[in-house]
Amino acid sequence: MNTRYMLGNEVIAHACLEAEIDFASGYPGTPSSEVIDSLRHQKDRDFYVEWSVNEKVAFENALAAAWTGIRSLVTMKHVGLNVAADPLLTSAYTGVTGGFVILSADDPYAHSSQNEQDSRRYALFAKIPCLDPASIRDAHSMMKAAFTLSEKVGLPVLFRPTTRICHSKSDIEPGDVGTGHRTGEFVRNPQQYVVIPVHTRVLHKTLNEKQAPLAKMLVEGGFNSAEVRGKTAIISGGIAASYVEELIPEGVSFAKIGAYPIDAEWLKAFVDQHETVLVIEELSPVIEESVRMAATTTVVHGKMDGHLALEGELSPAAVAQAMVSAGYVPTKTYPVVEPEAGIPSRPPLLCAGCGHRAVFYAMKRVFKDGIFPSDIGCYTLGIQLGVVDTTICMGASITVGSGIAQSGETRPVVCTIGDSTFLHTGIQGLLNAVYNGANITVVILDNRITAMTGHQPNPNTGVTATGVASPPVSLEAICRSVGATWVETVSSYDLTGLLEALKTAKGRDGVKVIVARQPCVIAARREGIRRKPYVVDPEVCTGCGLCVKFGCPAIEFHDGKALITSLCSGCSVCADICPAGAIHKGGAK
């Protein structure tokens, strides 16, 4: 048997190939990004794949493909589903012809996210099936089945892996890549695809009529299963179900919820056979709410009575603790782990040589009393440099900045946003700021790539997801086209140019845009671009510490003198900062 040790997202991507996927689109977002990354680099199956400019665009592309009868996938992280929520809710009304799977990767504990929302809520809201894998093996089998399920019920299917599924590894026996090929053909049906009120009322009724048969189908298909072993029970779903299976004692019944909606009759029949039920799940009490509605005399424990937290991710230790708290005896318990005392914290930092750092340094010097709304990207780490005051969601830096500026606040407002984020949802905010006469400075941190999520290309990069050359958009032209009358471009490594541009912007009214451009240092290195590293002359160094305050991880302080380590990427900004002229390129001065 062909056993392979694979990352969860790679397994999910391979399952799509086995299911004969025809179309894939998405917007990068951790922990989902590797699915499209894996699909766009595979050579075993010919199908269409793209990185889209945002999740709403990606969703609508994939939905339209499914309307033509082919199998399509759209990927995003949980907060990306907010961006796609508009078409999501209506797509349940229109339904689909070809299989359509929406991968929304949740991030309990917010490892790399601004919130911990639970995508199962969206599936229940939209009244579409949701598949919630408990392991990488589950993810493999469920993703293969998801396309067939979608076609059978004529609805989109939400697939909800979490970080521990996406970014863990497991031995898997992948199947053969499908060789079948479909050609899309759109069949006109205005009553289905034109959602004007007269059509919507009928479509909504049809959607509601699908719910009960769908719930029974998920039980019959083995997505939801239960085994009665005694008078007490545990009900679980997602990754938590795998932890429960490791710890559940003999004589305790177990129900595993792998899909939604849950069949109310089936659930009630299971619950009513027990005196006590403990529900264990991550994030929202979605299963628990259904269990409490089903229970008549059964005592139900879970998040809603405090046996589990309403936030954060679970672990085997946390599940064992919850079981003990509810009066169960797990097969194993875990000692409380405390961090070693005295170990210094290691907050995330911008890379050595990152162009964003110099921009932030210059902003702080010019706008000493400024307000700094920022956005979602590597540059959010500017919080360590004191130049990130707000971060809400993709594209919000400009809109938040505009709102603050229009509130009567007299201090200058300087917004920062990355190139990919600007193209995602920043353009509309800039248009609105210009249209309504906001007085703000917008700094587009242009590193030519979508860096934070793994260096995926975007319309500013010059290549598509599959490496085909594409004309890179002009950020400057976009800004001018929406009405920004002052747009300047400067290298992020040109400290003098940055300072001058920022000073000029500070002295002008209206919406000012600075495009600070420098390729991501990691991407540049991968392309073979190398700069000579810099060194400190200890005889000249005065020990003033200004270079250390710059915050570059390549600069350290030893014995009262600065020292540049092997992390240096040769950006040269520290040499411009040093008042003593002690920093220069390696080798002779």
Protein backbone atom coordinates (compact mmCIF):
# COMPACT_ATOMS: atom_id res chain seq x y z
CA MET A 1 0.00 0.00 0.00
CA ASN A 2 1.27 3.47 -0.89
CA THR A 3 1.52 5.07 2.56
CA ARG A 4 2.72 8.68 2.67
CA TYR A 5 3.44 10.99 5.58
CA MET A 6 1.56 14.14 4.62
CA LEU A 7 0.53 17.54 5.93
CA GLY A 8 -3.21 17.83 6.54
CA ASN A 9 -3.68 20.47 3.86
CA GLU A 10 -1.74 18.37 1.37
CA VAL A 11 -4.03 15.44 2.17
CA ILE A 12 -7.08 17.64 1.62
CA ALA A 13 -5.70 18.80 -1.73
CA HIS A 14 -4.99 15.24 -2.80
CA ALA A 15 -8.51 14.21 -1.85
CA CYS A 16 -9.77 16.91 -4.22
CA LEU A 17 -7.69 15.39 -7.01
CA GLU A 18 -9.09 11.94 -6.23
CA ALA A 19 -12.60 13.44 -6.38
CA GLU A 20 -11.86 14.74 -9.89
CA ILE A 21 -11.92 18.44 -9.10
CA ASP A 22 -12.29 20.71 -12.14
CA PHE A 23 -11.97 24.22 -10.68
CA ALA A 24 -10.27 25.69 -7.61
CA SER A 25 -10.04 29.26 -6.38
CA GLY A 26 -9.18 30.90 -3.09
CA TYR A 27 -7.52 33.68 -1.19
CA PRO A 28 -4.54 32.79 1.03
CA GLY A 29 -5.16 32.73 4.75
CA THR A 30 -3.52 30.65 7.46
CA PRO A 31 -4.30 27.82 8.13
CA SER A 32 -5.88 27.17 4.71
CA SER A 33 -3.22 28.38 2.27
CA GLU A 34 -1.41 25.13 1.50
CA VAL A 35 -4.49 23.59 -0.12
CA ILE A 36 -4.38 25.87 -3.17
CA ASP A 37 -0.58 25.93 -2.99
CA SER A 38 -0.57 22.12 -3.28
CA LEU A 39 -3.15 22.11 -6.07
CA ARG A 40 -1.39 24.74 -8.15
CA HIS A 41 1.91 22.85 -8.07
CA GLN A 42 0.57 19.35 -8.78
CA LYS A 43 1.14 17.80 -12.21
CA ASP A 44 -1.20 14.80 -12.11
CA ARG A 45 -4.49 16.38 -13.14
CA ASP A 46 -5.41 19.13 -15.59
CA PHE A 47 -7.89 21.60 -14.09
CA TYR A 48 -8.28 25.33 -13.49
CA VAL A 49 -6.77 26.90 -10.37
CA GLU A 50 -6.39 30.53 -9.30
CA TRP A 51 -5.50 32.80 -6.43
CA SER A 52 -8.29 35.37 -6.45
CA VAL A 53 -8.06 38.97 -5.24
CA ASN A 54 -10.35 38.29 -2.26
CA GLU A 55 -12.63 35.61 -0.83
CA LYS A 56 -15.88 37.02 -2.24
CA VAL A 57 -14.40 37.00 -5.74
CA ALA A 58 -13.03 33.49 -5.24
CA PHE A 59 -16.39 32.25 -3.96
CA GLU A 60 -18.38 33.70 -6.83
CA ASN A 61 -15.94 32.28 -9.40
CA ALA A 62 -16.20 28.78 -7.92
CA LEU A 63 -19.97 29.02 -7.47
CA ALA A 64 -20.43 29.98 -11.12
CA ALA A 65 -18.25 27.05 -12.15
CA ALA A 66 -20.46 24.69 -10.12
CA TRP A 67 -23.51 26.16 -11.88
CA THR A 68 -22.03 24.88 -15.15
CA GLY A 69 -21.96 21.33 -13.80
CA ILE A 70 -18.27 20.91 -12.99
CA ARG A 71 -16.78 20.21 -9.55
CA SER A 72 -15.36 23.28 -7.86
CA LEU A 73 -13.58 24.21 -4.64
CA VAL A 74 -13.09 27.55 -2.93
CA THR A 75 -10.68 27.97 -0.01
CA MET A 76 -10.21 30.58 2.71
CA LYS A 77 -9.72 30.96 6.44
CA HIS A 78 -12.64 31.54 8.77
CA VAL A 79 -12.49 35.34 8.70
CA GLY A 80 -12.38 35.14 4.91
CA LEU A 81 -15.81 33.55 5.06
CA ASN A 82 -17.06 36.88 6.41
CA VAL A 83 -15.92 38.49 3.18
CA ALA A 84 -17.72 35.80 1.19
CA ALA A 85 -20.84 35.77 3.38
CA ASP A 86 -22.96 37.70 0.89
CA PRO A 87 -22.81 35.09 -1.90
CA LEU A 88 -22.62 32.24 0.64
CA LEU A 89 -26.10 32.86 2.05
CA THR A 90 -27.69 33.24 -1.36
CA SER A 91 -25.86 30.28 -2.91
CA ALA A 92 -27.90 28.01 -0.64
CA TYR A 93 -31.02 29.35 -2.36
CA THR A 94 -29.72 28.93 -5.89
CA GLY A 95 -28.12 25.59 -5.17
CA VAL A 96 -25.57 24.02 -7.50
CA THR A 97 -25.41 21.45 -10.29
CA GLY A 98 -21.79 20.33 -9.99
CA GLY A 99 -20.25 19.58 -6.61
CA PHE A 100 -19.27 22.78 -4.79
CA VAL A 101 -17.16 22.64 -1.63
CA ILE A 102 -16.33 25.67 0.51
CA LEU A 103 -13.22 25.10 2.61
CA SER A 104 -13.23 27.46 5.59
CA ALA A 105 -10.32 26.68 7.93
CA ASP A 106 -11.01 27.69 11.53
CA ASP A 107 -8.28 28.79 13.92
CA PRO A 108 -9.11 27.99 17.59
CA TYR A 109 -6.75 29.86 19.95
CA ALA A 110 -6.26 32.44 17.18
CA HIS A 111 -2.75 31.21 16.34
CA SER A 112 -2.67 33.55 13.34
CA SER A 113 -6.04 35.29 13.33
CA GLN A 114 -7.88 38.26 14.75
CA ASN A 115 -10.75 36.19 16.15
CA GLU A 116 -11.87 32.62 16.91
CA GLN A 117 -15.18 32.48 15.07
CA ASP A 118 -16.80 29.12 14.40
CA SER A 119 -17.64 28.42 10.74
CA ARG A 120 -20.26 25.84 11.77
CA ARG A 121 -22.46 28.82 12.65
CA TYR A 122 -22.31 29.99 9.04
CA ALA A 123 -23.36 26.56 7.77
CA LEU A 124 -26.34 26.49 10.12
CA PHE A 125 -27.19 30.08 9.18
CA ALA A 126 -27.02 29.30 5.46
CA LYS A 127 -28.74 25.90 5.89
CA ILE A 128 -26.05 24.01 4.02
CA PRO A 129 -24.22 20.81 5.03
CA CYS A 130 -21.06 21.19 7.10
CA LEU A 131 -18.39 18.48 7.35
CA ASP A 132 -16.19 18.71 10.45
CA PRO A 133 -13.24 16.26 10.33
CA ALA A 134 -11.85 14.85 13.58
CA SER A 135 -8.53 13.73 12.08
CA ILE A 136 -6.45 13.97 8.94
CA ARG A 137 -7.84 10.62 7.84
CA ASP A 138 -11.35 11.99 8.31
CA ALA A 139 -10.37 15.06 6.29
CA HIS A 140 -9.24 12.82 3.44
CA SER A 141 -12.39 10.71 3.29
CA MET A 142 -14.76 13.62 3.96
CA MET A 143 -13.31 15.85 1.28
CA LYS A 144 -13.63 13.04 -1.27
CA ALA A 145 -17.25 12.55 -0.24
CA ALA A 146 -18.08 16.26 -0.07
CA PHE A 147 -18.38 16.74 -3.84
CA THR A 148 -20.73 13.77 -4.21
CA LEU A 149 -22.80 14.98 -1.25
CA SER A 150 -23.06 18.44 -2.79
CA GLU A 151 -24.30 17.02 -6.08
CA LYS A 152 -26.75 14.70 -4.33
CA VAL A 153 -28.46 17.45 -2.32
CA GLY A 154 -27.85 20.25 -4.83
CA LEU A 155 -26.28 22.49 -2.21
CA PRO A 156 -22.82 23.91 -1.44
CA VAL A 157 -21.01 21.93 1.26
CA LEU A 158 -18.96 23.70 3.91
CA PHE A 159 -15.78 21.83 4.86
CA ARG A 160 -14.37 22.99 8.21
CA PRO A 161 -10.86 21.81 9.12
CA THR A 162 -9.11 23.53 12.02
CA THR A 163 -5.46 24.47 12.52
CA ARG A 164 -4.61 21.12 14.13
CA ILE A 165 -6.02 19.29 11.10
CA CYS A 166 -4.50 21.59 8.50
CA HIS A 167 -1.02 21.81 9.99
CA SER A 168 -0.48 18.38 11.53
CA LYS A 169 0.95 15.41 9.66
CA SER A 170 -0.20 11.80 9.43
CA ASP A 171 0.38 8.59 7.54
CA ILE A 172 -2.18 8.42 4.74
CA GLU A 173 -2.91 5.98 1.93
CA PRO A 174 -3.92 8.40 -0.83
CA GLY A 175 -5.96 7.02 -3.69
CA ASP A 176 -5.43 7.44 -7.39
CA VAL A 177 -5.90 10.85 -8.95
CA GLY A 178 -9.14 10.96 -10.90
CA THR A 179 -8.84 10.96 -14.68
CA GLY A 180 -12.40 11.96 -15.55
CA HIS A 181 -12.89 15.36 -17.18
CA ARG A 182 -15.96 17.57 -17.32
CA THR A 183 -16.68 20.53 -19.55
CA GLY A 184 -18.87 23.20 -18.04
CA GLU A 185 -22.10 24.22 -19.72
CA PHE A 186 -24.32 26.91 -18.24
CA VAL A 187 -28.01 26.14 -18.65
CA ARG A 188 -30.21 29.21 -18.41
CA ASN A 189 -32.68 28.99 -15.54
CA PRO A 190 -33.65 32.48 -14.32
CA GLN A 191 -36.01 31.03 -11.69
CA GLN A 192 -32.97 29.45 -10.02
CA TYR A 193 -30.15 31.88 -10.67
CA VAL A 194 -31.85 35.28 -10.73
CA VAL A 195 -32.72 35.85 -7.08
CA ILE A 196 -35.34 38.54 -7.39
CA PRO A 197 -38.01 38.44 -4.65
CA VAL A 198 -40.57 36.41 -6.60
CA HIS A 199 -37.97 33.67 -7.20
CA THR A 200 -36.39 33.92 -3.76
CA ARG A 201 -39.63 33.08 -1.93
CA VAL A 202 -39.89 29.79 -3.81
CA LEU A 203 -36.19 28.98 -3.47
CA HIS A 204 -36.28 29.57 0.30
CA LYS A 205 -39.16 27.13 0.70
CA THR A 206 -37.28 24.53 -1.33
CA LEU A 207 -34.17 25.04 0.82
CA ASN A 208 -36.16 24.52 4.01
CA GLU A 209 -37.70 21.33 2.62
CA LYS A 210 -34.22 19.88 2.08
CA GLN A 211 -33.16 20.14 5.73
CA ALA A 212 -34.80 17.08 7.33
CA PRO A 213 -33.87 14.64 4.53
CA LEU A 214 -30.33 16.08 4.55
CA ALA A 215 -29.94 15.48 8.30
CA LYS A 216 -31.05 11.86 7.93
CA MET A 217 -28.75 11.39 4.95
CA LEU A 218 -25.73 12.43 7.05
CA VAL A 219 -26.54 9.72 9.61
CA GLU A 220 -27.15 7.09 6.95
CA GLY A 221 -23.90 8.08 5.24
CA GLY A 222 -21.92 7.46 8.43
CA PHE A 223 -20.91 11.07 8.98
CA ASN A 224 -22.66 11.01 12.37
CA SER A 225 -22.44 7.85 14.44
CA ALA A 226 -23.18 6.67 17.97
CA GLU A 227 -22.56 3.64 20.18
CA VAL A 228 -24.47 3.01 23.43
CA ARG A 229 -22.24 1.46 26.11
CA GLY A 230 -23.80 2.58 29.40
CA LYS A 231 -25.89 5.18 31.18
CA THR A 232 -23.46 8.06 30.70
CA ALA A 233 -22.27 9.41 27.38
CA ILE A 234 -19.91 11.83 25.68
CA ILE A 235 -20.82 13.58 22.46
CA SER A 236 -18.05 15.28 20.52
CA GLY A 237 -17.06 16.55 17.09
CA GLY A 238 -14.09 17.90 15.19
CA ILE A 239 -10.55 17.38 16.50
CA ALA A 240 -11.98 17.11 20.03
CA ALA A 241 -13.59 13.79 19.06
CA SER A 242 -10.14 12.30 18.44
CA TYR A 243 -9.02 13.39 21.90
CA VAL A 244 -12.17 11.88 23.44
CA GLU A 245 -11.58 8.57 21.67
CA GLU A 246 -8.14 8.40 23.31
CA LEU A 247 -9.50 9.07 26.80
CA ILE A 248 -13.04 7.71 27.03
CA PRO A 249 -13.39 4.93 29.62
CA GLU A 250 -15.19 1.64 29.08
CA GLY A 251 -18.90 1.72 29.75
CA VAL A 252 -19.34 5.31 28.54
CA SER A 253 -21.36 5.76 25.37
CA PHE A 254 -19.94 7.87 22.56
CA ALA A 255 -21.51 9.84 19.72
CA LYS A 256 -19.29 11.41 17.10
CA ILE A 257 -20.67 14.36 15.15
CA GLY A 258 -18.90 14.77 11.84
CA ALA A 259 -21.54 16.68 9.92
CA TYR A 260 -24.32 19.21 10.26
CA PRO A 261 -27.30 19.58 10.38
CA ILE A 262 -27.72 16.98 13.12
CA ASP A 263 -30.81 14.80 12.78
CA ALA A 264 -32.95 15.80 15.78
CA GLU A 265 -34.77 12.46 16.04
CA TRP A 266 -31.55 10.45 15.88
CA LEU A 267 -29.88 12.69 18.46
CA LYS A 268 -32.87 12.57 20.83
CA ALA A 269 -33.01 8.77 20.62
CA PHE A 270 -29.35 8.61 21.68
CA VAL A 271 -29.51 11.27 24.41
CA ASP A 272 -32.65 9.89 26.05
CA GLN A 273 -30.92 6.58 26.75
CA HIS A 274 -28.52 8.27 29.17
CA GLU A 275 -28.68 9.87 32.58
CA THR A 276 -25.78 12.27 31.90
CA VAL A 277 -24.20 13.54 28.71
CA LEU A 278 -20.99 15.57 28.41
CA VAL A 279 -20.55 17.53 25.18
CA ILE A 280 -16.96 18.31 24.16
CA GLU A 281 -16.31 20.62 21.19
CA GLU A 282 -14.11 23.57 20.27
CA LEU A 283 -15.32 27.17 20.19
CA SER A 284 -19.11 27.60 20.04
CA PRO A 285 -21.52 25.18 21.80
CA VAL A 286 -23.10 24.17 18.50
CA ILE A 287 -23.51 20.48 19.34
CA GLU A 288 -24.41 21.25 22.94
CA GLU A 289 -27.30 23.51 21.94
CA SER A 290 -28.77 20.69 19.85
CA VAL A 291 -28.23 18.19 22.68
CA ARG A 292 -29.94 20.44 25.22
CA MET A 293 -32.94 20.85 22.89
CA ALA A 294 -33.11 17.07 22.43
CA ALA A 295 -32.78 16.16 26.11
CA THR A 296 -35.86 15.57 28.26
CA THR A 297 -34.60 14.25 31.61
CA THR A 298 -30.92 13.79 30.71
CA VAL A 299 -28.43 16.07 32.50
CA VAL A 300 -26.24 17.84 29.93
CA HIS A 301 -22.77 19.22 30.70
CA GLY A 302 -20.47 21.21 28.45
CA LYS A 303 -19.55 24.78 27.69
CA MET A 304 -22.86 26.25 28.73
CA ASP A 305 -22.48 25.17 32.37
CA GLY A 306 -18.76 25.92 32.63
CA HIS A 307 -17.14 22.52 32.25
CA LEU A 308 -15.32 23.73 29.14
CA ALA A 309 -14.22 27.21 28.14
CA LEU A 310 -16.09 29.10 25.45
CA GLU A 311 -12.81 30.16 23.84
CA GLY A 312 -9.50 28.62 22.81
CA GLU A 313 -8.59 25.25 21.38
CA LEU A 314 -8.75 21.94 23.17
CA SER A 315 -6.00 19.41 23.84
CA PRO A 316 -6.00 15.91 25.31
CA ALA A 317 -5.12 17.47 28.67
CA ALA A 318 -8.00 19.96 28.48
CA VAL A 319 -10.44 17.21 27.47
CA ALA A 320 -9.29 15.02 30.37
CA GLN A 321 -9.76 17.94 32.75
CA ALA A 322 -13.28 18.55 31.43
CA MET A 323 -14.14 14.89 31.87
CA VAL A 324 -12.94 14.94 35.49
CA SER A 325 -14.86 18.15 36.11
CA ALA A 326 -18.09 16.53 34.89
CA GLY A 327 -17.58 13.38 36.97
CA TYR A 328 -16.08 11.12 34.32
CA VAL A 329 -12.87 9.12 34.78
CA PRO A 330 -10.58 9.48 31.74
CA THR A 331 -8.15 6.68 30.95
CA LYS A 332 -5.30 9.16 31.32
CA THR A 333 -4.71 12.49 33.04
CA TYR A 334 -2.02 15.07 32.42
CA PRO A 335 0.10 17.12 34.82
CA VAL A 336 -0.32 20.88 34.81
CA VAL A 337 2.48 22.37 32.70
CA GLU A 338 3.89 25.74 33.69
CA PRO A 339 6.53 27.66 31.70
CA GLU A 340 10.02 27.85 33.14
CA ALA A 341 10.50 30.93 35.26
CA GLY A 342 12.77 33.65 33.94
CA ILE A 343 12.63 32.73 30.27
CA PRO A 344 12.34 35.95 28.26
CA SER A 345 9.38 36.32 25.93
CA ARG A 346 10.01 36.06 22.19
CA PRO A 347 7.38 38.13 20.42
CA PRO A 348 7.14 37.77 16.64
CA LEU A 349 9.27 40.28 14.75
CA LEU A 350 9.67 41.54 11.22
CA CYS A 351 12.48 39.76 9.40
CA ALA A 352 15.98 41.19 9.28
CA GLY A 353 16.05 43.46 6.26
CA CYS A 354 12.25 43.76 5.96
CA GLY A 355 11.46 47.00 4.16
CA HIS A 356 8.45 47.62 6.40
CA ARG A 357 10.70 48.35 9.38
CA ALA A 358 12.35 51.35 7.74
CA VAL A 359 8.95 52.75 6.75
CA PHE A 360 7.70 52.46 10.31
CA TYR A 361 10.89 54.04 11.64
CA ALA A 362 10.46 56.99 9.28
CA MET A 363 6.75 57.34 10.13
CA LYS A 364 7.54 57.51 13.82
CA ARG A 365 10.15 60.21 13.25
CA VAL A 366 7.96 62.41 11.07
CA PHE A 367 4.59 61.83 12.75
CA LYS A 368 5.60 61.86 16.41
CA ASP A 369 2.02 62.58 17.49
CA GLY A 370 0.36 60.53 14.74
CA ILE A 371 -2.42 57.95 14.90
CA PHE A 372 -1.55 54.78 13.00
CA PRO A 373 -4.37 52.50 11.78
CA SER A 374 -2.95 49.35 10.19
CA ASP A 375 -4.14 46.20 8.50
CA ILE A 376 -3.74 42.42 8.19
CA GLY A 377 -0.29 41.33 7.07
CA CYS A 378 3.34 40.97 8.17
CA TYR A 379 3.33 44.69 8.87
CA THR A 380 0.89 44.19 11.76
CA LEU A 381 4.11 43.40 13.62
CA GLY A 382 4.76 47.13 13.49
CA ILE A 383 2.95 47.10 16.82
CA GLN A 384 6.37 46.26 18.30
CA LEU A 385 7.64 49.58 16.90
CA GLY A 386 4.75 51.65 18.20
CA VAL A 387 3.17 52.42 14.83
CA VAL A 388 0.13 50.13 14.81
CA ASP A 389 -2.81 51.53 16.76
CA THR A 390 -5.69 49.58 15.19
CA THR A 391 -6.10 46.33 13.26
CA ILE A 392 -9.58 44.97 12.57
CA CYS A 393 -9.86 43.15 9.26
CA MET A 394 -8.61 43.16 5.70
CA GLY A 395 -8.73 46.64 4.18
CA ALA A 396 -9.85 48.40 7.36
CA SER A 397 -6.78 50.59 7.87
CA ILE A 398 -7.94 53.19 5.35
CA THR A 399 -11.58 53.15 6.40
CA VAL A 400 -10.74 53.28 10.11
CA GLY A 401 -8.23 56.05 9.40
CA SER A 402 -10.84 57.98 7.45
CA GLY A 403 -13.36 57.58 10.25
CA ILE A 404 -10.90 58.85 12.85
CA ALA A 405 -9.92 61.79 10.67
CA GLN A 406 -13.55 62.75 10.08
CA SER A 407 -14.39 62.50 13.81
CA GLY A 408 -12.81 65.82 14.74
CA GLU A 409 -9.50 64.27 15.86
CA THR A 410 -6.79 66.85 15.16
CA ARG A 411 -3.73 64.62 15.23
CA PRO A 412 -2.46 63.39 11.84
CA VAL A 413 -3.64 59.96 10.69
CA VAL A 414 -1.23 57.67 8.83
CA CYS A 415 -2.60 54.34 7.54
CA THR A 416 -0.48 51.34 6.53
CA ILE A 417 -1.69 48.58 4.21
CA GLY A 418 0.08 45.91 2.16
CA ASP A 419 -0.13 45.57 -1.59
CA SER A 420 -2.16 42.34 -1.51
CA THR A 421 -4.47 43.71 1.19
CA PHE A 422 -4.93 46.95 -0.75
CA LEU A 423 -6.02 44.94 -3.79
CA HIS A 424 -8.19 42.71 -1.56
CA THR A 425 -10.44 45.40 -0.03
CA GLY A 426 -8.39 48.57 0.30
CA ILE A 427 -9.33 50.23 -2.96
CA GLN A 428 -12.92 50.87 -1.92
CA GLY A 429 -11.75 52.49 1.32
CA LEU A 430 -9.38 54.78 -0.56
CA LEU A 431 -12.14 55.70 -3.00
CA ASN A 432 -14.45 56.52 -0.09
CA ALA A 433 -11.80 58.60 1.67
CA VAL A 434 -11.15 60.66 -1.46
CA TYR A 435 -14.84 61.03 -2.26
CA ASN A 436 -15.67 62.27 1.24
CA GLY A 437 -12.66 64.53 1.65
CA ALA A 438 -10.77 62.75 4.42
CA ASN A 439 -7.44 64.19 5.55
CA ILE A 440 -5.18 61.13 5.84
CA THR A 441 -1.86 59.72 4.65
CA VAL A 442 -2.00 56.21 3.21
CA VAL A 443 1.24 54.21 3.03
CA ILE A 444 1.01 51.13 0.80
CA LEU A 445 3.72 48.71 1.91
CA ASP A 446 4.46 47.10 -1.44
CA ASN A 447 6.60 43.98 -1.07
CA ARG A 448 5.35 42.50 -4.38
CA ILE A 449 3.92 39.33 -2.78
CA THR A 450 1.36 38.02 -0.28
CA ALA A 451 4.06 37.36 2.28
CA MET A 452 2.42 36.54 5.60
CA THR A 453 0.50 33.52 4.33
CA GLY A 454 3.38 31.89 2.46
CA HIS A 455 4.42 34.11 -0.46
CA GLN A 456 1.53 33.55 -2.81
CA PRO A 457 1.38 35.75 -5.92
CA ASN A 458 -1.19 38.49 -6.36
CA PRO A 459 -2.08 40.86 -9.23
CA ASN A 460 0.89 43.03 -8.24
CA THR A 461 3.40 40.18 -8.55
CA GLY A 462 3.37 39.60 -12.30
CA VAL A 463 2.49 35.89 -12.34
CA THR A 464 -0.68 33.87 -11.75
CA ALA A 465 -1.07 30.99 -9.29
CA THR A 466 0.25 28.57 -11.89
CA GLY A 467 3.27 30.72 -12.79
CA VAL A 468 1.89 32.18 -16.01
CA ALA A 469 3.12 35.72 -16.66
CA SER A 470 0.48 38.38 -16.02
CA PRO A 471 0.72 42.17 -16.35
CA PRO A 472 1.40 43.54 -12.84
CA VAL A 473 -1.11 46.17 -11.85
CA SER A 474 0.05 49.72 -11.16
CA LEU A 475 -0.80 50.66 -7.59
CA GLU A 476 -0.02 54.27 -8.42
CA ALA A 477 -2.43 54.28 -11.37
CA ILE A 478 -5.18 52.73 -9.24
CA CYS A 479 -4.70 55.38 -6.55
CA ARG A 480 -4.80 58.22 -9.05
CA SER A 481 -7.82 56.73 -10.81
CA VAL A 482 -9.91 56.90 -7.62
CA GLY A 483 -8.99 60.56 -7.18
CA ALA A 484 -5.86 60.68 -5.03
CA THR A 485 -4.04 63.73 -6.41
CA TRP A 486 -0.72 63.25 -4.57
CA VAL A 487 0.88 59.82 -5.07
CA GLU A 488 4.61 59.24 -4.52
CA THR A 489 6.70 56.08 -4.84
CA VAL A 490 9.87 55.52 -2.83
CA SER A 491 12.13 52.58 -2.01
CA SER A 492 11.56 51.20 1.47
CA TYR A 493 15.36 51.08 1.89
CA ASP A 494 15.74 54.77 1.02
CA LEU A 495 15.46 56.30 4.48
CA THR A 496 16.14 59.82 3.25
CA GLY A 497 13.51 59.49 0.53
CA LEU A 498 10.99 58.07 3.00
CA LEU A 499 11.50 60.92 5.43
CA GLU A 500 11.12 63.52 2.67
CA ALA A 501 7.98 61.91 1.26
CA LEU A 502 6.37 61.66 4.69
CA LYS A 503 7.25 65.27 5.53
CA THR A 504 5.69 66.41 2.25
CA ALA A 505 2.56 64.37 2.95
CA LYS A 506 2.32 65.84 6.43
CA GLY A 507 2.28 69.34 4.99
CA ARG A 508 -0.56 68.66 2.53
CA ASP A 509 -4.32 68.33 3.01
CA GLY A 510 -6.58 65.60 1.63
CA VAL A 511 -5.71 61.99 0.83
CA LYS A 512 -2.00 61.48 0.25
CA VAL A 513 -0.59 58.14 -0.89
CA ILE A 514 2.98 56.87 -0.53
CA VAL A 515 3.87 53.58 -2.20
CA ALA A 516 6.85 52.23 -0.24
CA ARG A 517 8.27 49.54 -2.51
CA GLN A 518 10.81 46.85 -1.77
CA PRO A 519 10.48 43.13 -2.58
CA CYS A 520 10.01 40.84 0.42
CA VAL A 521 13.47 39.93 1.67
CA ILE A 522 12.59 36.22 1.82
CA ALA A 523 11.14 36.16 -1.69
CA ALA A 524 14.15 38.08 -3.00
CA ARG A 525 16.53 35.61 -1.42
CA ARG A 526 14.66 32.71 -3.01
CA GLU A 527 15.14 34.39 -6.37
CA GLY A 528 18.90 34.58 -5.78
CA ILE A 529 19.04 38.28 -4.93
CA ARG A 530 21.79 38.81 -2.36
CA ARG A 531 23.10 42.02 -0.81
CA LYS A 532 26.42 42.29 0.92
CA PRO A 533 25.92 42.25 4.71
CA TYR A 534 26.89 45.19 6.90
CA VAL A 535 29.30 45.29 9.84
CA VAL A 536 29.98 47.61 12.77
CA ASP A 537 33.40 49.20 13.24
CA PRO A 538 33.85 48.88 17.03
CA GLU A 539 36.48 51.62 16.99
CA VAL A 540 33.96 54.12 15.63
CA CYS A 541 30.80 52.87 17.41
CA THR A 542 29.88 55.16 20.32
CA GLY A 543 27.39 52.73 21.86
CA CYS A 544 24.49 55.19 21.43
CA GLY A 545 22.06 52.31 20.76
CA LEU A 546 20.09 54.02 18.00
CA CYS A 547 20.66 51.10 15.63
CA VAL A 548 19.42 48.62 18.25
CA LYS A 549 16.28 50.71 18.80
CA PHE A 550 15.62 50.34 15.07
CA GLY A 551 14.47 46.83 16.02
CA CYS A 552 16.24 44.71 13.43
CA PRO A 553 16.91 41.18 14.81
CA ALA A 554 20.32 41.20 13.07
CA ILE A 555 21.59 43.98 15.36
CA GLU A 556 22.70 43.11 18.89
CA PHE A 557 24.52 44.93 21.67
CA HIS A 558 27.60 43.44 23.35
CA ASP A 559 30.04 45.07 25.77
CA GLY A 560 28.60 48.51 25.09
CA LYS A 561 28.97 48.21 21.30
CA ALA A 562 26.62 47.32 18.47
CA LEU A 563 27.15 44.05 16.61
CA ILE A 564 25.58 42.90 13.34
CA THR A 565 25.02 39.14 13.13
CA SER A 566 24.81 36.74 10.20
CA LEU A 567 21.08 37.48 9.94
CA CYS A 568 21.92 40.70 8.10
CA SER A 569 20.42 40.90 4.62
CA GLY A 570 22.29 44.05 3.58
CA CYS A 571 19.38 46.49 3.47
CA SER A 572 21.72 49.37 4.55
CA VAL A 573 19.11 51.26 6.61
CA CYS A 574 21.05 50.87 9.86
CA ALA A 575 24.03 52.58 8.18
CA ASP A 576 21.80 55.57 7.44
CA ILE A 577 20.61 55.65 11.04
CA CYS A 578 24.05 55.48 12.70
CA PRO A 579 25.08 59.06 13.65
CA ALA A 580 28.73 58.05 14.06
CA GLY A 581 29.11 56.40 10.65
CA ALA A 582 30.23 53.17 12.31
CA ILE A 583 28.21 50.83 10.08
CA HIS A 584 29.35 49.93 6.58
CA LYS A 585 29.34 47.04 4.14
CA GLY A 586 31.41 44.03 5.08
CA GLY A 587 35.02 44.09 3.96
CA ALA A 588 37.04 47.22 3.36
CA LYS A 589 35.32 50.57 3.93
